[in-house]
C-alpha atoms as a PDB file:
ATOM      1  CA  UNK A   1     -17.601  -0.294  -7.467  1.00  0.00           C
ATOM      2  CA  UNK A   2     -17.665   2.378 -10.099  1.00  0.00           C
ATOM      3  CA  UNK A   3     -16.631   1.786 -13.732  1.00  0.00           C
ATOM      4  CA  UNK A   4     -12.882   2.141 -14.135  1.00  0.00           C
ATOM      5  CA  UNK A   5     -12.171   0.661 -10.707  1.00  0.00           C
ATOM      6  CA  UNK A   6      -9.097  -1.557 -10.658  1.00  0.00           C
ATOM      7  CA  UNK A   7      -8.874  -4.176  -7.916  1.00  0.00           C
ATOM      8  CA  UNK A   8      -5.418  -4.699  -6.443  1.00  0.00           C
ATOM      9  CA  UNK A   9      -5.202  -8.264  -5.158  1.00  0.00           C
ATOM     10  CA  UNK A  10      -2.842  -9.640  -2.496  1.00  0.00           C
ATOM     11  CA  UNK A  11       0.789  -9.489  -3.720  1.00  0.00           C
ATOM     12  CA  UNK A  12      -0.304  -7.339  -6.680  1.00  0.00           C
ATOM     13  CA  UNK A  13       0.264  -3.788  -7.840  1.00  0.00           C
ATOM     14  CA  UNK A  14      -1.647  -1.567 -10.236  1.00  0.00           C
ATOM     15  CA  UNK A  15      -1.656   2.002 -11.542  1.00  0.00           C
ATOM     16  CA  UNK A  16      -4.496   4.299 -12.608  1.00  0.00           C
ATOM     17  CA  UNK A  17      -4.817   7.817 -13.944  1.00  0.00           C
ATOM     18  CA  UNK A  18      -7.411  10.538 -14.372  1.00  0.00           C
ATOM     19  CA  UNK A  19     -10.780   9.294 -13.136  1.00  0.00           C
ATOM     20  CA  UNK A  20      -9.405   5.839 -12.260  1.00  0.00           C
ATOM     21  CA  UNK A  21      -9.786   4.276  -8.860  1.00  0.00           C
ATOM     22  CA  UNK A  22      -7.651   1.623  -7.149  1.00  0.00           C
ATOM     23  CA  UNK A  23      -9.202  -0.670  -4.541  1.00  0.00           C
ATOM     24  CA  UNK A  24      -7.766  -3.368  -2.305  1.00  0.00           C
ATOM     25  CA  UNK A  25      -9.844  -5.441   0.071  1.00  0.00           C
ATOM     26  CA  UNK A  26      -9.137  -7.240   3.307  1.00  0.00           C
ATOM     27  CA  UNK A  27      -5.780  -5.853   4.421  1.00  0.00           C
ATOM     28  CA  UNK A  28      -4.712  -7.551   7.637  1.00  0.00           C
ATOM     29  CA  UNK A  29      -0.978  -7.663   8.324  1.00  0.00           C
ATOM     30  CA  UNK A  30      -0.380  -6.758   4.652  1.00  0.00           C
ATOM     31  CA  UNK A  31       0.320  -3.122   3.736  1.00  0.00           C
ATOM     32  CA  UNK A  32      -1.151  -1.067   0.920  1.00  0.00           C
ATOM     33  CA  UNK A  33       1.509   1.299  -0.387  1.00  0.00           C
ATOM     34  CA  UNK A  34      -0.405   4.118  -2.081  1.00  0.00           C
ATOM     35  CA  UNK A  35       1.569   6.506  -4.304  1.00  0.00           C
ATOM     36  CA  UNK A  36       0.262   9.623  -6.058  1.00  0.00           C
ATOM     37  CA  UNK A  37       1.529  12.298  -8.446  1.00  0.00           C
ATOM     38  CA  UNK A  38      -0.921  15.241  -8.237  1.00  0.00           C
ATOM     39  CA  UNK A  39       0.254  16.925 -11.446  1.00  0.00           C
ATOM     40  CA  UNK A  40       0.022  13.856 -13.696  1.00  0.00           C
ATOM     41  CA  UNK A  41      -3.055  12.623 -11.759  1.00  0.00           C
ATOM     42  CA  UNK A  42      -1.479   9.177 -11.567  1.00  0.00           C
ATOM     43  CA  UNK A  43      -1.929   6.771  -8.665  1.00  0.00           C
ATOM     44  CA  UNK A  44      -0.245   3.496  -7.851  1.00  0.00           C
ATOM     45  CA  UNK A  45      -1.031   0.905  -5.219  1.00  0.00           C
ATOM     46  CA  UNK A  46       0.839  -2.197  -4.091  1.00  0.00           C
ATOM     47  CA  UNK A  47      -0.638  -4.782  -1.687  1.00  0.00           C
ATOM     48  CA  UNK A  48       2.572  -6.142  -0.147  1.00  0.00           C
ATOM     49  CA  UNK A  49       2.473  -9.406   1.752  1.00  0.00           C
ATOM     50  CA  UNK A  50       5.865  -9.801   3.431  1.00  0.00           C
ATOM     51  CA  UNK A  51       8.553  -7.381   4.667  1.00  0.00           C
ATOM     52  CA  UNK A  52      11.464  -9.279   3.101  1.00  0.00           C
ATOM     53  CA  UNK A  53      12.241 -11.847   0.418  1.00  0.00           C
ATOM     54  CA  UNK A  54      14.100 -13.845   3.062  1.00  0.00           C
ATOM     55  CA  UNK A  55      10.716 -14.829   4.542  1.00  0.00           C
ATOM     56  CA  UNK A  56       9.446 -16.538   1.409  1.00  0.00           C
ATOM     57  CA  UNK A  57      10.427 -19.515  -0.727  1.00  0.00           C
ATOM     58  CA  UNK A  58       8.666 -18.008  -3.746  1.00  0.00           C
ATOM     59  CA  UNK A  59      10.350 -14.666  -4.464  1.00  0.00           C
ATOM     60  CA  UNK A  60       9.639 -14.153  -8.164  1.00  0.00           C
ATOM     61  CA  UNK A  61       6.575 -11.886  -7.657  1.00  0.00           C
ATOM     62  CA  UNK A  62       7.920  -8.322  -7.169  1.00  0.00           C
ATOM     63  CA  UNK A  63       4.600  -7.052  -5.761  1.00  0.00           C
ATOM     64  CA  UNK A  64       4.914  -9.366  -2.751  1.00  0.00           C
ATOM     65  CA  UNK A  65       7.674  -7.329  -1.060  1.00  0.00           C
ATOM     66  CA  UNK A  66       8.131  -3.562  -0.480  1.00  0.00           C
ATOM     67  CA  UNK A  67      11.748  -3.497  -1.738  1.00  0.00           C
ATOM     68  CA  UNK A  68      10.729  -4.740  -5.195  1.00  0.00           C
ATOM     69  CA  UNK A  69       7.152  -3.363  -5.339  1.00  0.00           C
ATOM     70  CA  UNK A  70       8.028   0.321  -4.805  1.00  0.00           C
ATOM     71  CA  UNK A  71      10.547   0.718  -7.666  1.00  0.00           C
ATOM     72  CA  UNK A  72       8.233  -1.189 -10.025  1.00  0.00           C
ATOM     73  CA  UNK A  73       5.298   0.996  -9.003  1.00  0.00           C
ATOM     74  CA  UNK A  74       7.347   4.163  -9.604  1.00  0.00           C
ATOM     75  CA  UNK A  75       8.374   2.823 -13.027  1.00  0.00           C
ATOM     76  CA  UNK A  76       4.757   2.021 -14.008  1.00  0.00           C
ATOM     77  CA  UNK A  77       3.595   5.443 -12.787  1.00  0.00           C
ATOM     78  CA  UNK A  78       6.384   7.189 -14.722  1.00  0.00           C
ATOM     79  CA  UNK A  79       5.186   5.422 -17.887  1.00  0.00           C
ATOM     80  CA  UNK A  80       1.897   7.322 -17.375  1.00  0.00           C
ATOM     81  CA  UNK A  81       3.653  10.679 -16.906  1.00  0.00           C
ATOM     82  CA  UNK A  82       4.378  10.727 -13.174  1.00  0.00           C
ATOM     83  CA  UNK A  83       7.656  12.201 -11.946  1.00  0.00           C
ATOM     84  CA  UNK A  84       9.248  10.579  -8.879  1.00  0.00           C
ATOM     85  CA  UNK A  85      10.052  13.965  -7.292  1.00  0.00           C
ATOM     86  CA  UNK A  86       6.314  14.789  -7.155  1.00  0.00           C
ATOM     87  CA  UNK A  87       5.138  11.448  -5.752  1.00  0.00           C
ATOM     88  CA  UNK A  88       3.857  11.255  -2.195  1.00  0.00           C
ATOM     89  CA  UNK A  89       2.981   8.100  -0.290  1.00  0.00           C
ATOM     90  CA  UNK A  90       0.307   6.893   2.111  1.00  0.00           C
ATOM     91  CA  UNK A  91       0.472   3.594   4.004  1.00  0.00           C
ATOM     92  CA  UNK A  92      -2.488   1.531   5.151  1.00  0.00           C
ATOM     93  CA  UNK A  93      -2.616  -1.816   6.956  1.00  0.00           C
ATOM     94  CA  UNK A  94      -0.030  -3.653   8.986  1.00  0.00           C
ATOM     95  CA  UNK A  95      -2.493  -4.775  11.635  1.00  0.00           C
ATOM     96  CA  UNK A  96      -1.699  -7.324  14.343  1.00  0.00           C
ATOM     97  CA  UNK A  97      -4.496  -9.683  13.331  1.00  0.00           C
ATOM     98  CA  UNK A  98      -3.469 -12.519  15.622  1.00  0.00           C
ATOM     99  CA  UNK A  99      -1.726 -10.645  18.404  1.00  0.00           C
ATOM    100  CA  UNK A 100      -3.119 -12.918  21.090  1.00  0.00           C
ATOM    101  CA  UNK A 101      -1.372 -15.891  19.430  1.00  0.00           C
ATOM    102  CA  UNK A 102       2.055 -14.246  19.320  1.00  0.00           C
ATOM    103  CA  UNK A 103       4.505 -14.463  22.233  1.00  0.00           C
ATOM    104  CA  UNK A 104       4.744 -11.332  24.338  1.00  0.00           C
ATOM    105  CA  UNK A 105       7.399  -8.950  23.025  1.00  0.00           C
ATOM    106  CA  UNK A 106       7.550 -10.565  19.563  1.00  0.00           C
ATOM    107  CA  UNK A 107       7.467  -8.185  16.601  1.00  0.00           C
ATOM    108  CA  UNK A 108       4.231  -8.631  14.648  1.00  0.00           C
ATOM    109  CA  UNK A 109       4.339  -9.320  10.895  1.00  0.00           C
ATOM    110  CA  UNK A 110       2.118  -6.281  10.286  1.00  0.00           C
ATOM    111  CA  UNK A 111       4.538  -4.002  12.130  1.00  0.00           C
ATOM    112  CA  UNK A 112       7.452  -5.489  10.177  1.00  0.00           C
ATOM    113  CA  UNK A 113       5.586  -4.807   6.920  1.00  0.00           C
ATOM    114  CA  UNK A 114       5.010  -1.165   7.893  1.00  0.00           C
ATOM    115  CA  UNK A 115       8.648  -0.624   8.935  1.00  0.00           C
ATOM    116  CA  UNK A 116       9.963  -2.238   5.728  1.00  0.00           C
ATOM    117  CA  UNK A 117       7.571  -0.160   3.588  1.00  0.00           C
ATOM    118  CA  UNK A 118       8.608   3.112   5.286  1.00  0.00           C
ATOM    119  CA  UNK A 119      12.295   2.250   4.785  1.00  0.00           C
ATOM    120  CA  UNK A 120      11.912   1.489   1.077  1.00  0.00           C
ATOM    121  CA  UNK A 121       9.945   4.702   0.502  1.00  0.00           C
ATOM    122  CA  UNK A 122      12.653   6.673   2.327  1.00  0.00           C
ATOM    123  CA  UNK A 123      15.340   4.923   0.253  1.00  0.00           C
ATOM    124  CA  UNK A 124      13.552   6.170  -2.892  1.00  0.00           C
ATOM    125  CA  UNK A 125      13.229   9.730  -1.568  1.00  0.00           C
ATOM    126  CA  UNK A 126       9.453   9.503  -1.083  1.00  0.00           C
ATOM    127  CA  UNK A 127       7.796  11.083   1.932  1.00  0.00           C
ATOM    128  CA  UNK A 128       4.922   9.421   3.760  1.00  0.00           C
ATOM    129  CA  UNK A 129       2.126  12.001   3.851  1.00  0.00           C
ATOM    130  CA  UNK A 130      -0.238   9.917   5.999  1.00  0.00           C
ATOM    131  CA  UNK A 131      -0.720   6.482   7.537  1.00  0.00           C
ATOM    132  CA  UNK A 132      -3.511   4.298   8.860  1.00  0.00           C
ATOM    133  CA  UNK A 133      -1.402   1.439  10.194  1.00  0.00           C
ATOM    134  CA  UNK A 134      -1.193  -0.935  13.122  1.00  0.00           C
ATOM    135  CA  UNK A 135      -4.049  -1.792  15.412  1.00  0.00           C
ATOM    136  CA  UNK A 136      -5.943  -5.068  15.335  1.00  0.00           C
ATOM    137  CA  UNK A 137      -8.588  -4.541  12.641  1.00  0.00           C
ATOM    138  CA  UNK A 138      -8.579  -5.362   8.950  1.00  0.00           C
ATOM    139  CA  UNK A 139      -9.018  -2.585   6.410  1.00  0.00           C
ATOM    140  CA  UNK A 140     -10.101  -2.046   2.821  1.00  0.00           C
ATOM    141  CA  UNK A 141      -8.763   0.878   0.775  1.00  0.00           C
ATOM    142  CA  UNK A 142     -10.016   3.047  -2.094  1.00  0.00           C
ATOM    143  CA  UNK A 143      -7.704   5.520  -3.834  1.00  0.00           C
ATOM    144  CA  UNK A 144      -8.607   8.128  -6.450  1.00  0.00           C
ATOM    145  CA  UNK A 145      -6.058   8.827  -9.186  1.00  0.00           C
ATOM    146  CA  UNK A 146      -7.452  12.324  -9.817  1.00  0.00           C
ATOM    147  CA  UNK A 147      -6.628  13.783  -6.401  1.00  0.00           C
ATOM    148  CA  UNK A 148      -4.848  11.012  -4.483  1.00  0.00           C
ATOM    149  CA  UNK A 149      -7.658  10.753  -1.917  1.00  0.00           C
ATOM    150  CA  UNK A 150      -7.365   7.541   0.096  1.00  0.00           C
ATOM    151  CA  UNK A 151     -10.409   6.222   1.948  1.00  0.00           C
ATOM    152  CA  UNK A 152     -10.071   3.413   4.478  1.00  0.00           C
ATOM    153  CA  UNK A 153     -12.980   1.223   5.555  1.00  0.00           C
ATOM    154  CA  UNK A 154     -13.103  -0.943   8.667  1.00  0.00           C
ATOM    155  CA  UNK A 155     -15.998  -2.999   9.963  1.00  0.00           C
ATOM    156  CA  UNK A 156     -15.913  -1.103  13.252  1.00  0.00           C
ATOM    157  CA  UNK A 157     -15.509   2.469  12.052  1.00  0.00           C
ATOM    158  CA  UNK A 158     -16.938   2.609   8.533  1.00  0.00           C
ATOM    159  CA  UNK A 159     -15.096   4.683   5.946  1.00  0.00           C
ATOM    160  CA  UNK A 160     -12.730   7.579   6.701  1.00  0.00           C
ATOM    161  CA  UNK A 161     -10.016   9.511   4.815  1.00  0.00           C
ATOM    162  CA  UNK A 162      -6.319   8.914   5.487  1.00  0.00           C
END
């Protein structure tokens, strides 16, 4: 990883600006919500774990859930000069990692995470510019604050832009 790289852990969120880079590793059913303001060159990333607080006993960590992670991410980005009206979003993750263990017809946790993330972004007036979601493979993500470029790496396919 290059100097200035900030690692976003599970149920964590971080912001970067200028030449900064945000990285999260090992997304399975979790979703990386990647936000970017191209004018301020500010990026934000949340690694959300669950689609709803109702699915967890421990609810105090706002980065764990889309409905609390997104507004906090917008607030942290605004502190660095981002304006919500300029922010675009990209979603990565939400895989069905254990699909063969789930009853037929059941909604996968990954899919629920993606749907919840899309809804929260829509509720905040943010458009989803691109997605790399679903499937059955884990992903790692790199995001550049300077231009908002998001690169996704899988074991099967290597690295590709979103």
